[in-house]
Amino acid sequence: MATVTYDEVNLMLRLYELRREPKLREARTWFLENFHPASAEEMMQKYPQGSAENAYVRMVISYWDMVASIVNRGLINDDLFFESNGEIWVVWDRIRNIVPPWRAAFKNPTVFANLEEACKRLEAWREKKAPGSSAAMRQLMEQMRQKSKNA
C-alpha cells in the first residue's frame, strides 16, 4: 500500500467538509436521485438555464471536476481517494454522453477532461480490485434511469 502524507489526508478531509455544505449536499442528493438525461438536448429541456435543477447540475459537476483536478495533479494519493469516493464516478457516468456535444458547442475539447481522466483511472483501479464491478454499476444505474423515466 502506498504511503500517504498527512497533507493528503487533511486535503481529503477538507474536500469531505465541502461535500457536507448544505446547498451542495442538497444538490448532490437531487443529482443522484433525479439526473438521468439520455442526451444534452434532454438535459437542457428538463433542466433549462436559470432553473434550480440546472444550478444543482452545475454545482455537482463543477465540484467533482475541481476534485478531479486535484487528484489528477497527484495532490491526493489515488488509492486513498479511490477507496472512498465512488460518487465522482457516478457523476461522470451520468454526463459522459452529454460531454461530447458540450465540447463541440464550446469548441473546447478540455471541458470536464479532469473528471473524465480521474474516472478512467478510478475505473481501472476498481476493475483490478473487483473485475466486472463497473459494468454491474452501470447496469444498476440504467435500471434507476428507466425507473425514473417511467415514474
N, C-alpha and C. Protein backbone atom coordinates (compact mmCIF):
# COMPACT_ATOMS: atom_id res chain seq x y z
N MET A 1 0.85 -1.18 0.00
CA MET A 1 0.00 0.00 0.00
C MET A 1 0.90 1.24 0.00
N ALA A 2 0.55 2.21 -0.79
CA ALA A 2 1.35 3.42 -0.93
C ALA A 2 1.33 4.25 0.35
N THR A 3 2.40 4.96 0.56
CA THR A 3 2.49 5.87 1.70
C THR A 3 1.63 7.08 1.43
N VAL A 4 0.89 7.48 2.43
CA VAL A 4 0.02 8.65 2.33
C VAL A 4 0.51 9.69 3.33
N THR A 5 0.54 10.94 2.89
CA THR A 5 1.02 12.00 3.77
C THR A 5 -0.13 12.60 4.58
N TYR A 6 0.25 13.26 5.65
CA TYR A 6 -0.75 13.97 6.45
C TYR A 6 -1.44 15.06 5.63
N ASP A 7 -0.69 15.70 4.74
CA ASP A 7 -1.29 16.73 3.89
C ASP A 7 -2.36 16.14 2.98
N GLU A 8 -2.11 14.94 2.44
CA GLU A 8 -3.12 14.29 1.60
C GLU A 8 -4.37 13.95 2.41
N VAL A 9 -4.18 13.44 3.59
CA VAL A 9 -5.31 13.12 4.46
C VAL A 9 -6.07 14.39 4.82
N ASN A 10 -5.36 15.44 5.17
CA ASN A 10 -6.03 16.70 5.51
C ASN A 10 -6.80 17.27 4.33
N LEU A 11 -6.24 17.16 3.12
CA LEU A 11 -6.95 17.62 1.93
C LEU A 11 -8.21 16.78 1.70
N MET A 12 -8.10 15.48 1.87
CA MET A 12 -9.28 14.60 1.74
C MET A 12 -10.36 15.02 2.72
N LEU A 13 -9.97 15.27 3.96
CA LEU A 13 -10.95 15.68 4.98
C LEU A 13 -11.57 17.03 4.63
N ARG A 14 -10.79 17.93 4.10
CA ARG A 14 -11.32 19.25 3.69
C ARG A 14 -12.32 19.09 2.55
N LEU A 15 -12.00 18.25 1.58
CA LEU A 15 -12.94 18.02 0.48
C LEU A 15 -14.23 17.39 0.99
N TYR A 16 -14.11 16.52 1.99
CA TYR A 16 -15.30 15.92 2.58
C TYR A 16 -16.13 16.99 3.29
N GLU A 17 -15.47 17.90 4.00
CA GLU A 17 -16.19 19.00 4.66
C GLU A 17 -16.96 19.82 3.63
N LEU A 18 -16.35 20.09 2.49
CA LEU A 18 -17.05 20.84 1.44
C LEU A 18 -18.28 20.09 0.95
N ARG A 19 -18.18 18.77 0.85
CA ARG A 19 -19.32 17.96 0.40
C ARG A 19 -20.48 18.05 1.39
N ARG A 20 -20.20 18.37 2.63
CA ARG A 20 -21.23 18.44 3.66
C ARG A 20 -21.91 19.81 3.71
N GLU A 21 -21.43 20.76 2.92
CA GLU A 21 -22.07 22.09 2.89
C GLU A 21 -23.53 21.87 2.49
N PRO A 22 -24.48 22.48 3.20
CA PRO A 22 -25.90 22.15 3.00
C PRO A 22 -26.39 22.27 1.55
N LYS A 23 -26.03 23.33 0.85
CA LYS A 23 -26.53 23.51 -0.52
C LYS A 23 -25.92 22.46 -1.46
N LEU A 24 -24.64 22.17 -1.29
CA LEU A 24 -24.02 21.15 -2.12
C LEU A 24 -24.58 19.78 -1.79
N ARG A 25 -24.83 19.51 -0.52
CA ARG A 25 -25.42 18.22 -0.14
C ARG A 25 -26.81 18.08 -0.78
N GLU A 26 -27.59 19.15 -0.75
CA GLU A 26 -28.92 19.14 -1.37
C GLU A 26 -28.80 18.88 -2.88
N ALA A 27 -27.85 19.55 -3.51
CA ALA A 27 -27.64 19.38 -4.95
C ALA A 27 -27.20 17.96 -5.27
N ARG A 28 -26.30 17.41 -4.47
CA ARG A 28 -25.82 16.04 -4.70
C ARG A 28 -26.95 15.04 -4.54
N THR A 29 -27.77 15.22 -3.52
CA THR A 29 -28.90 14.31 -3.31
C THR A 29 -29.84 14.38 -4.50
N TRP A 30 -30.17 15.59 -4.94
CA TRP A 30 -31.06 15.75 -6.09
C TRP A 30 -30.44 15.08 -7.32
N PHE A 31 -29.17 15.35 -7.57
CA PHE A 31 -28.49 14.82 -8.75
C PHE A 31 -28.54 13.29 -8.77
N LEU A 32 -28.18 12.68 -7.65
CA LEU A 32 -28.15 11.21 -7.60
C LEU A 32 -29.53 10.59 -7.76
N GLU A 33 -30.55 11.26 -7.27
CA GLU A 33 -31.91 10.72 -7.35
C GLU A 33 -32.62 11.03 -8.65
N ASN A 34 -32.28 12.15 -9.30
CA ASN A 34 -33.10 12.65 -10.41
C ASN A 34 -32.40 12.86 -11.74
N PHE A 35 -31.10 12.97 -11.77
CA PHE A 35 -30.40 13.35 -13.01
C PHE A 35 -30.10 12.11 -13.84
N HIS A 36 -30.92 11.90 -14.87
CA HIS A 36 -30.77 10.74 -15.75
C HIS A 36 -31.01 11.08 -17.22
N PRO A 37 -30.58 12.24 -17.72
CA PRO A 37 -30.87 12.54 -19.13
C PRO A 37 -30.07 11.65 -20.07
N ALA A 38 -30.66 11.33 -21.20
CA ALA A 38 -30.00 10.49 -22.20
C ALA A 38 -29.18 11.31 -23.19
N SER A 39 -29.40 12.63 -23.23
CA SER A 39 -28.70 13.48 -24.19
C SER A 39 -28.60 14.91 -23.65
N ALA A 40 -27.74 15.69 -24.29
CA ALA A 40 -27.62 17.10 -23.92
C ALA A 40 -28.93 17.84 -24.17
N GLU A 41 -29.62 17.47 -25.24
CA GLU A 41 -30.90 18.11 -25.55
C GLU A 41 -31.93 17.83 -24.46
N GLU A 42 -32.00 16.57 -24.03
CA GLU A 42 -32.94 16.22 -22.97
C GLU A 42 -32.59 16.95 -21.67
N MET A 43 -31.29 17.06 -21.40
CA MET A 43 -30.88 17.77 -20.19
C MET A 43 -31.35 19.22 -20.22
N MET A 44 -31.12 19.90 -21.33
CA MET A 44 -31.50 21.31 -21.42
C MET A 44 -33.02 21.49 -21.42
N GLN A 45 -33.73 20.51 -21.95
CA GLN A 45 -35.19 20.57 -21.94
C GLN A 45 -35.72 20.40 -20.52
N LYS A 46 -35.18 19.43 -19.80
CA LYS A 46 -35.66 19.14 -18.45
C LYS A 46 -35.13 20.12 -17.41
N TYR A 47 -33.91 20.62 -17.62
CA TYR A 47 -33.24 21.47 -16.62
C TYR A 47 -32.68 22.71 -17.30
N PRO A 48 -33.55 23.63 -17.75
CA PRO A 48 -33.10 24.79 -18.52
C PRO A 48 -32.28 25.78 -17.69
N GLN A 49 -31.48 26.58 -18.39
CA GLN A 49 -30.73 27.65 -17.74
C GLN A 49 -31.67 28.45 -16.85
N GLY A 50 -31.19 28.79 -15.69
CA GLY A 50 -31.98 29.58 -14.76
C GLY A 50 -32.82 28.77 -13.79
N SER A 51 -32.95 27.46 -14.05
CA SER A 51 -33.75 26.63 -13.15
C SER A 51 -32.90 26.19 -11.96
N ALA A 52 -33.56 25.86 -10.86
CA ALA A 52 -32.85 25.36 -9.68
C ALA A 52 -32.13 24.05 -10.02
N GLU A 53 -32.77 23.22 -10.84
CA GLU A 53 -32.16 21.95 -11.22
C GLU A 53 -30.88 22.16 -12.02
N ASN A 54 -30.87 23.14 -12.92
CA ASN A 54 -29.68 23.44 -13.69
C ASN A 54 -28.55 23.90 -12.77
N ALA A 55 -28.91 24.69 -11.76
CA ALA A 55 -27.91 25.13 -10.78
C ALA A 55 -27.35 23.93 -10.02
N TYR A 56 -28.20 23.00 -9.66
CA TYR A 56 -27.75 21.79 -8.97
C TYR A 56 -26.78 21.00 -9.85
N VAL A 57 -27.14 20.83 -11.11
CA VAL A 57 -26.28 20.09 -12.05
C VAL A 57 -24.91 20.76 -12.12
N ARG A 58 -24.90 22.06 -12.32
CA ARG A 58 -23.62 22.78 -12.43
C ARG A 58 -22.82 22.69 -11.14
N MET A 59 -23.50 22.77 -10.00
CA MET A 59 -22.81 22.71 -8.71
C MET A 59 -22.14 21.36 -8.51
N VAL A 60 -22.86 20.29 -8.78
CA VAL A 60 -22.32 18.94 -8.58
C VAL A 60 -21.19 18.67 -9.56
N ILE A 61 -21.41 18.95 -10.82
CA ILE A 61 -20.37 18.66 -11.82
C ILE A 61 -19.13 19.50 -11.58
N SER A 62 -19.29 20.77 -11.28
CA SER A 62 -18.10 21.61 -11.07
C SER A 62 -17.35 21.22 -9.80
N TYR A 63 -18.07 20.80 -8.75
CA TYR A 63 -17.39 20.33 -7.54
C TYR A 63 -16.51 19.12 -7.88
N TRP A 64 -17.09 18.12 -8.52
CA TRP A 64 -16.33 16.92 -8.79
C TRP A 64 -15.24 17.15 -9.83
N ASP A 65 -15.43 18.08 -10.76
CA ASP A 65 -14.37 18.40 -11.72
C ASP A 65 -13.20 19.07 -10.99
N MET A 66 -13.50 19.91 -10.02
CA MET A 66 -12.46 20.54 -9.21
C MET A 66 -11.69 19.48 -8.44
N VAL A 67 -12.40 18.56 -7.81
CA VAL A 67 -11.76 17.48 -7.06
C VAL A 67 -10.89 16.64 -8.00
N ALA A 68 -11.41 16.33 -9.17
CA ALA A 68 -10.65 15.55 -10.15
C ALA A 68 -9.36 16.26 -10.53
N SER A 69 -9.41 17.56 -10.67
CA SER A 69 -8.21 18.34 -10.99
C SER A 69 -7.14 18.17 -9.91
N ILE A 70 -7.57 18.18 -8.66
CA ILE A 70 -6.66 17.98 -7.53
C ILE A 70 -6.06 16.58 -7.56
N VAL A 71 -6.91 15.58 -7.78
CA VAL A 71 -6.46 14.19 -7.82
C VAL A 71 -5.52 13.96 -9.00
N ASN A 72 -5.87 14.50 -10.16
CA ASN A 72 -5.05 14.30 -11.36
C ASN A 72 -3.66 14.90 -11.22
N ARG A 73 -3.52 15.89 -10.40
CA ARG A 73 -2.21 16.52 -10.19
C ARG A 73 -1.38 15.79 -9.12
N GLY A 74 -1.92 14.71 -8.60
CA GLY A 74 -1.19 13.91 -7.63
C GLY A 74 -1.15 14.49 -6.23
N LEU A 75 -2.06 15.42 -5.94
CA LEU A 75 -2.08 16.04 -4.61
C LEU A 75 -2.73 15.14 -3.58
N ILE A 76 -3.46 14.12 -4.06
CA ILE A 76 -4.03 13.09 -3.20
C ILE A 76 -3.68 11.74 -3.84
N ASN A 77 -3.18 10.86 -3.04
CA ASN A 77 -2.84 9.52 -3.49
C ASN A 77 -4.07 8.85 -4.10
N ASP A 78 -3.91 8.25 -5.28
CA ASP A 78 -5.04 7.62 -5.96
C ASP A 78 -5.73 6.57 -5.08
N ASP A 79 -4.95 5.68 -4.47
CA ASP A 79 -5.56 4.64 -3.63
C ASP A 79 -6.40 5.27 -2.52
N LEU A 80 -5.85 6.26 -1.85
CA LEU A 80 -6.57 6.92 -0.77
C LEU A 80 -7.88 7.52 -1.28
N PHE A 81 -7.82 8.18 -2.41
CA PHE A 81 -9.01 8.82 -2.97
C PHE A 81 -10.02 7.79 -3.47
N PHE A 82 -9.56 6.83 -4.26
CA PHE A 82 -10.46 5.88 -4.88
C PHE A 82 -11.15 4.96 -3.88
N GLU A 83 -10.52 4.69 -2.77
CA GLU A 83 -11.11 3.81 -1.76
C GLU A 83 -12.41 4.35 -1.19
N SER A 84 -12.59 5.66 -1.20
CA SER A 84 -13.76 6.22 -0.51
C SER A 84 -14.52 7.26 -1.32
N ASN A 85 -14.33 7.29 -2.64
CA ASN A 85 -15.00 8.30 -3.44
C ASN A 85 -15.57 7.73 -4.73
N GLY A 86 -16.63 6.95 -4.62
CA GLY A 86 -17.28 6.40 -5.81
C GLY A 86 -18.25 7.36 -6.47
N GLU A 87 -18.71 8.35 -5.72
CA GLU A 87 -19.70 9.28 -6.28
C GLU A 87 -19.18 10.02 -7.50
N ILE A 88 -17.90 10.33 -7.52
CA ILE A 88 -17.31 11.02 -8.67
C ILE A 88 -17.54 10.21 -9.94
N TRP A 89 -17.40 8.88 -9.84
CA TRP A 89 -17.59 8.02 -11.00
C TRP A 89 -19.05 8.03 -11.45
N VAL A 90 -19.98 8.03 -10.50
CA VAL A 90 -21.40 8.07 -10.85
C VAL A 90 -21.71 9.37 -11.60
N VAL A 91 -21.17 10.47 -11.11
CA VAL A 91 -21.39 11.76 -11.77
C VAL A 91 -20.85 11.71 -13.20
N TRP A 92 -19.62 11.23 -13.37
CA TRP A 92 -19.06 11.14 -14.72
C TRP A 92 -19.90 10.22 -15.60
N ASP A 93 -20.30 9.08 -15.08
CA ASP A 93 -21.07 8.14 -15.88
C ASP A 93 -22.38 8.76 -16.35
N ARG A 94 -22.97 9.60 -15.53
CA ARG A 94 -24.25 10.23 -15.92
C ARG A 94 -24.06 11.32 -16.95
N ILE A 95 -22.87 11.91 -17.05
CA ILE A 95 -22.69 13.01 -18.01
C ILE A 95 -21.81 12.63 -19.21
N ARG A 96 -21.24 11.44 -19.20
CA ARG A 96 -20.25 11.09 -20.23
C ARG A 96 -20.80 11.17 -21.65
N ASN A 97 -22.09 10.93 -21.85
CA ASN A 97 -22.67 11.03 -23.20
C ASN A 97 -23.09 12.46 -23.54
N ILE A 98 -23.13 13.29 -22.54
CA ILE A 98 -23.52 14.69 -22.73
C ILE A 98 -22.30 15.57 -23.00
N VAL A 99 -21.16 15.17 -22.49
CA VAL A 99 -19.95 15.99 -22.60
C VAL A 99 -19.49 16.21 -24.05
N PRO A 100 -19.47 15.20 -24.93
CA PRO A 100 -19.01 15.47 -26.30
C PRO A 100 -19.77 16.60 -27.01
N PRO A 101 -21.11 16.66 -26.92
CA PRO A 101 -21.79 17.80 -27.54
C PRO A 101 -21.42 19.14 -26.88
N TRP A 102 -21.20 19.12 -25.57
CA TRP A 102 -20.76 20.36 -24.90
C TRP A 102 -19.39 20.79 -25.41
N ARG A 103 -18.49 19.82 -25.54
CA ARG A 103 -17.15 20.15 -26.04
C ARG A 103 -17.23 20.73 -27.44
N ALA A 104 -18.09 20.16 -28.26
CA ALA A 104 -18.25 20.67 -29.63
C ALA A 104 -18.87 22.06 -29.62
N ALA A 105 -19.90 22.26 -28.82
CA ALA A 105 -20.58 23.56 -28.77
C ALA A 105 -19.65 24.66 -28.27
N PHE A 106 -18.83 24.35 -27.27
CA PHE A 106 -17.92 25.34 -26.70
C PHE A 106 -16.59 25.40 -27.45
N LYS A 107 -16.42 24.50 -28.44
CA LYS A 107 -15.17 24.39 -29.18
C LYS A 107 -13.99 24.27 -28.21
N ASN A 108 -14.21 23.40 -27.21
CA ASN A 108 -13.22 23.21 -26.16
C ASN A 108 -13.15 21.72 -25.79
N PRO A 109 -12.14 21.03 -26.29
CA PRO A 109 -12.03 19.60 -26.01
C PRO A 109 -11.67 19.28 -24.56
N THR A 110 -11.39 20.29 -23.76
CA THR A 110 -10.99 20.04 -22.37
C THR A 110 -12.14 20.17 -21.37
N VAL A 111 -13.35 20.46 -21.86
CA VAL A 111 -14.49 20.57 -20.94
C VAL A 111 -14.65 19.26 -20.18
N PHE A 112 -14.54 19.34 -18.87
CA PHE A 112 -14.66 18.19 -17.96
C PHE A 112 -13.64 17.09 -18.22
N ALA A 113 -12.51 17.46 -18.81
CA ALA A 113 -11.44 16.49 -19.06
C ALA A 113 -10.84 15.98 -17.75
N ASN A 114 -10.80 16.82 -16.73
CA ASN A 114 -10.28 16.37 -15.44
C ASN A 114 -11.14 15.26 -14.87
N LEU A 115 -12.44 15.46 -14.94
CA LEU A 115 -13.38 14.46 -14.44
C LEU A 115 -13.25 13.16 -15.22
N GLU A 116 -13.17 13.27 -16.53
CA GLU A 116 -13.04 12.09 -17.37
C GLU A 116 -11.76 11.31 -17.05
N GLU A 117 -10.64 12.01 -16.94
CA GLU A 117 -9.36 11.35 -16.68
C GLU A 117 -9.35 10.66 -15.31
N ALA A 118 -9.79 11.36 -14.28
CA ALA A 118 -9.81 10.76 -12.94
C ALA A 118 -10.70 9.52 -12.91
N CYS A 119 -11.81 9.58 -13.61
CA CYS A 119 -12.75 8.45 -13.59
C CYS A 119 -12.26 7.28 -14.42
N LYS A 120 -11.50 7.53 -15.46
CA LYS A 120 -10.87 6.43 -16.20
C LYS A 120 -9.91 5.69 -15.28
N ARG A 121 -9.12 6.44 -14.52
CA ARG A 121 -8.17 5.81 -13.59
C ARG A 121 -8.90 5.10 -12.46
N LEU A 122 -9.96 5.72 -11.95
CA LEU A 122 -10.74 5.09 -10.88
C LEU A 122 -11.34 3.78 -11.36
N GLU A 123 -11.89 3.79 -12.57
CA GLU A 123 -12.50 2.57 -13.10
C GLU A 123 -11.45 1.48 -13.30
N ALA A 124 -10.29 1.83 -13.81
CA ALA A 124 -9.22 0.84 -13.98
C ALA A 124 -8.77 0.30 -12.63
N TRP A 125 -8.66 1.18 -11.64
CA TRP A 125 -8.28 0.77 -10.28
C TRP A 125 -9.32 -0.19 -9.71
N ARG A 126 -10.60 0.17 -9.88
CA ARG A 126 -11.68 -0.67 -9.35
C ARG A 126 -11.73 -2.02 -10.06
N GLU A 127 -11.54 -2.03 -11.37
CA GLU A 127 -11.58 -3.29 -12.12
C GLU A 127 -10.47 -4.24 -11.71
N LYS A 128 -9.33 -3.69 -11.28
CA LYS A 128 -8.26 -4.56 -10.76
C LYS A 128 -8.67 -5.19 -9.44
N LYS A 129 -9.38 -4.44 -8.63
CA LYS A 129 -9.79 -4.92 -7.31
C LYS A 129 -11.05 -5.78 -7.37
N ALA A 130 -11.97 -5.42 -8.28
CA ALA A 130 -13.26 -6.11 -8.37
C ALA A 130 -13.70 -6.17 -9.83
N PRO A 131 -13.14 -7.09 -10.60
CA PRO A 131 -13.48 -7.18 -12.03
C PRO A 131 -14.99 -7.30 -12.25
N GLY A 132 -15.48 -6.53 -13.20
CA GLY A 132 -16.89 -6.56 -13.54
C GLY A 132 -17.75 -5.59 -12.73
N SER A 133 -17.17 -4.96 -11.73
CA SER A 133 -17.97 -4.09 -10.87
C SER A 133 -18.46 -2.84 -11.59
N SER A 134 -17.68 -2.31 -12.50
CA SER A 134 -18.13 -1.11 -13.22
C SER A 134 -19.32 -1.42 -14.12
N ALA A 135 -19.27 -2.55 -14.80
CA ALA A 135 -20.40 -2.95 -15.65
C ALA A 135 -21.64 -3.19 -14.80
N ALA A 136 -21.45 -3.81 -13.64
CA ALA A 136 -22.59 -4.05 -12.75
C ALA A 136 -23.19 -2.73 -12.26
N MET A 137 -22.32 -1.77 -11.95
CA MET A 137 -22.82 -0.46 -11.50
C MET A 137 -23.57 0.25 -12.63
N ARG A 138 -23.03 0.17 -13.84
CA ARG A 138 -23.71 0.81 -14.98
C ARG A 138 -25.09 0.18 -15.20
N GLN A 139 -25.17 -1.13 -15.07
CA GLN A 139 -26.45 -1.82 -15.24
C GLN A 139 -27.44 -1.36 -14.17
N LEU A 140 -26.99 -1.27 -12.93
CA LEU A 140 -27.84 -0.79 -11.85
C LEU A 140 -28.30 0.64 -12.10
N MET A 141 -27.38 1.48 -12.56
CA MET A 141 -27.75 2.88 -12.83
C MET A 141 -28.72 2.99 -14.01
N GLU A 142 -28.59 2.12 -14.99
CA GLU A 142 -29.54 2.12 -16.10
C GLU A 142 -30.93 1.73 -15.62
N GLN A 143 -30.99 0.77 -14.71
CA GLN A 143 -32.28 0.39 -14.13
C GLN A 143 -32.89 1.58 -13.38
N MET A 144 -32.05 2.32 -12.66
CA MET A 144 -32.53 3.52 -11.95
C MET A 144 -33.04 4.56 -12.93
N ARG A 145 -32.31 4.72 -14.05
CA ARG A 145 -32.72 5.70 -15.07
C ARG A 145 -34.06 5.31 -15.66
N GLN A 146 -34.24 4.02 -15.97
CA GLN A 146 -35.50 3.56 -16.52
C GLN A 146 -36.64 3.74 -15.53
N LYS A 147 -36.39 3.46 -14.29
CA LYS A 147 -37.40 3.64 -13.24
C LYS A 147 -37.78 5.11 -13.13
N SER A 148 -36.80 5.99 -13.17
CA SER A 148 -37.07 7.42 -13.10
C SER A 148 -37.84 7.90 -14.33
N LYS A 149 -37.47 7.37 -15.48
CA LYS A 149 -38.13 7.74 -16.75
C LYS A 149 -39.60 7.32 -16.74
N ASN A 150 -39.88 6.16 -16.16
CA ASN A 150 -41.25 5.63 -16.13
C ASN A 150 -42.10 6.20 -15.01
N ALA A 151 -41.47 6.89 -14.08
CA ALA A 151 -42.22 7.44 -12.94
C ALA A 151 -42.97 8.71 -13.30
